[in-house]
Protein backbone atom coordinates (compact mmCIF):
# COMPACT_ATOMS: atom_id res chain seq x y z
CA MET A 1 94.13 105.46 69.60
CA LEU A 2 94.21 101.98 70.80
CA PRO A 3 91.42 99.46 69.77
CA ILE A 4 88.78 98.94 72.41
CA PRO A 5 90.21 95.44 73.60
CA ALA A 6 93.61 97.04 74.13
CA GLN A 7 92.14 99.99 75.90
CA VAL A 8 90.33 97.68 78.25
CA PHE A 9 93.53 95.55 78.79
CA VAL A 10 95.57 98.78 79.56
CA ALA A 11 92.89 100.10 81.92
CA GLY A 12 92.63 96.71 83.75
CA PHE A 13 96.47 96.53 83.95
CA ALA A 14 96.75 100.01 85.40
CA PHE A 15 93.94 99.36 87.94
CA THR A 16 95.70 96.17 89.10
CA VAL A 17 99.11 97.94 89.52
CA LEU A 18 97.44 100.87 91.36
CA THR A 19 95.49 98.43 93.54
CA ALA A 20 98.61 96.59 94.49
CA PHE A 21 100.44 99.77 95.45
CA ALA A 22 97.49 101.05 97.35
CA ALA A 23 97.33 97.69 99.29
CA LEU A 24 100.94 97.99 100.15
CA ALA A 25 100.60 101.51 101.35
CA GLN A 26 97.71 100.44 103.51
CA THR A 27 99.56 97.51 105.14
CA VAL A 28 102.54 99.67 106.29
CA ASN A 29 102.43 99.72 110.17
CA PRO A 30 104.90 101.56 112.30
CA ALA A 31 103.86 99.54 115.28
CA ASP A 32 104.90 96.26 113.61
CA GLY A 33 108.16 98.08 112.61
CA ARG A 34 108.77 99.00 116.20
CA ARG A 35 108.06 95.41 117.44
CA LEU A 36 110.57 94.16 114.80
CA ALA A 37 113.12 96.77 115.78
CA LEU A 38 112.91 95.78 119.41
CA SER A 39 112.99 91.86 118.83
CA VAL A 40 115.73 91.91 116.11
CA CYS A 41 117.54 95.27 115.74
CA ALA A 42 117.95 96.03 119.45
CA ASN A 43 120.36 93.16 119.76
CA CYS A 44 122.95 95.64 118.37
CA HIS A 45 121.26 99.09 117.99
CA VAL A 46 119.74 101.35 120.65
CA VAL A 47 116.03 101.20 119.81
CA PRO A 48 113.83 103.71 121.83
CA GLU A 49 112.43 101.73 124.77
CA SER A 50 115.32 99.33 124.71
CA ARG A 51 118.67 99.57 126.39
CA ARG A 52 120.53 102.91 126.54
CA GLU A 53 123.83 101.68 125.21
CA SER A 54 124.67 99.91 121.94
CA ALA A 55 125.79 96.44 122.03
CA MET A 56 128.29 97.32 119.31
CA ASP A 57 130.13 100.63 119.12
CA ALA A 58 129.80 100.83 115.33
CA ALA A 59 126.05 100.28 115.45
CA PRO A 60 124.31 103.68 115.07
CA THR A 61 121.21 104.28 117.24
CA PHE A 62 117.72 104.25 115.73
CA ALA A 63 117.45 107.81 116.49
CA ALA A 64 120.66 108.64 114.66
CA ILE A 65 119.39 106.75 111.66
CA ALA A 66 116.08 108.29 111.61
CA ASN A 67 117.42 111.79 111.92
CA ASP A 68 120.30 111.30 109.39
CA PRO A 69 119.36 113.50 106.36
CA ALA A 70 121.16 111.03 104.05
CA MET A 71 118.98 108.24 105.05
CA THR A 72 116.15 108.38 102.69
CA ASP A 73 113.37 105.84 102.51
CA GLU A 74 114.94 104.47 99.21
CA ARG A 75 118.41 104.22 100.81
CA LEU A 76 117.01 102.46 103.86
CA ARG A 77 115.09 100.03 101.50
CA HIS A 78 118.32 99.29 99.59
CA PHE A 79 120.49 98.94 102.74
CA LEU A 80 118.06 96.56 104.33
CA ASN A 81 117.77 94.39 101.19
CA GLN A 82 121.53 93.83 100.96
CA PRO A 83 123.75 91.68 103.10
CA HIS A 84 126.38 93.57 105.00
CA SER A 85 129.55 92.35 106.60
CA GLN A 86 129.14 94.51 109.64
CA MET A 87 125.51 93.32 110.42
CA PRO A 88 124.49 89.83 111.21
CA PRO A 89 122.72 87.95 108.54
CA ILE A 90 119.00 88.79 108.94
CA VAL A 91 116.39 88.27 106.38
CA ILE A 92 113.16 90.35 106.66
CA ALA A 93 110.39 90.54 104.22
CA ARG A 94 109.71 93.68 101.99
CA GLU A 95 106.54 94.48 104.14
CA GLU A 96 108.70 94.27 107.35
CA ILE A 97 111.27 96.63 105.76
CA GLU A 98 108.38 99.10 105.10
CA ASP A 99 107.24 98.71 108.64
CA VAL A 100 110.69 99.50 109.97
CA ILE A 101 111.04 102.49 107.73
CA ALA A 102 107.53 103.75 108.86
CA TYR A 103 108.70 103.15 112.60
CA LEU A 104 111.88 105.14 111.97
CA ARG A 105 109.87 108.09 110.49
CA THR A 106 107.85 108.25 113.85
CA ILE A 107 110.90 108.84 115.85
CA ARG A 108 112.48 111.43 113.61
CA ARG A 109 112.83 114.69 115.44
CA THR A 110 112.04 117.03 112.76
CA PRO A 111 110.34 116.19 109.39
CA ALA A 112 112.82 116.40 106.48
CA LYS A 113 111.77 117.40 102.97
CA GLY A 114 112.20 114.85 100.11
CA ARG A 115 112.80 111.80 102.43
CA ASN A 116 110.75 109.41 100.23
């Protein structure tokens, strides 16, 4: 058993970490993700409510990305955090990535198990 000061420290640390994760979860906003997708991503990808054809043949539509079983939330996070030669150099904040992922989940045709 830990001494009382250590227990207080561990409890305080755990509370801080859990509060930070809860705050992040509460700030995810699919509407903000949609706005970002329309203003940035729609330059190359077909985003619902944008044009009907892709500006680049190799750019998958947002619907295709959302419905690809291999595109888990973790894979999307990793992909959007890395530079890619086939994409223009865009830098988006971690919160914006979460918003885009949340938006993609709203346009998915059928919910998939284990997507997170």
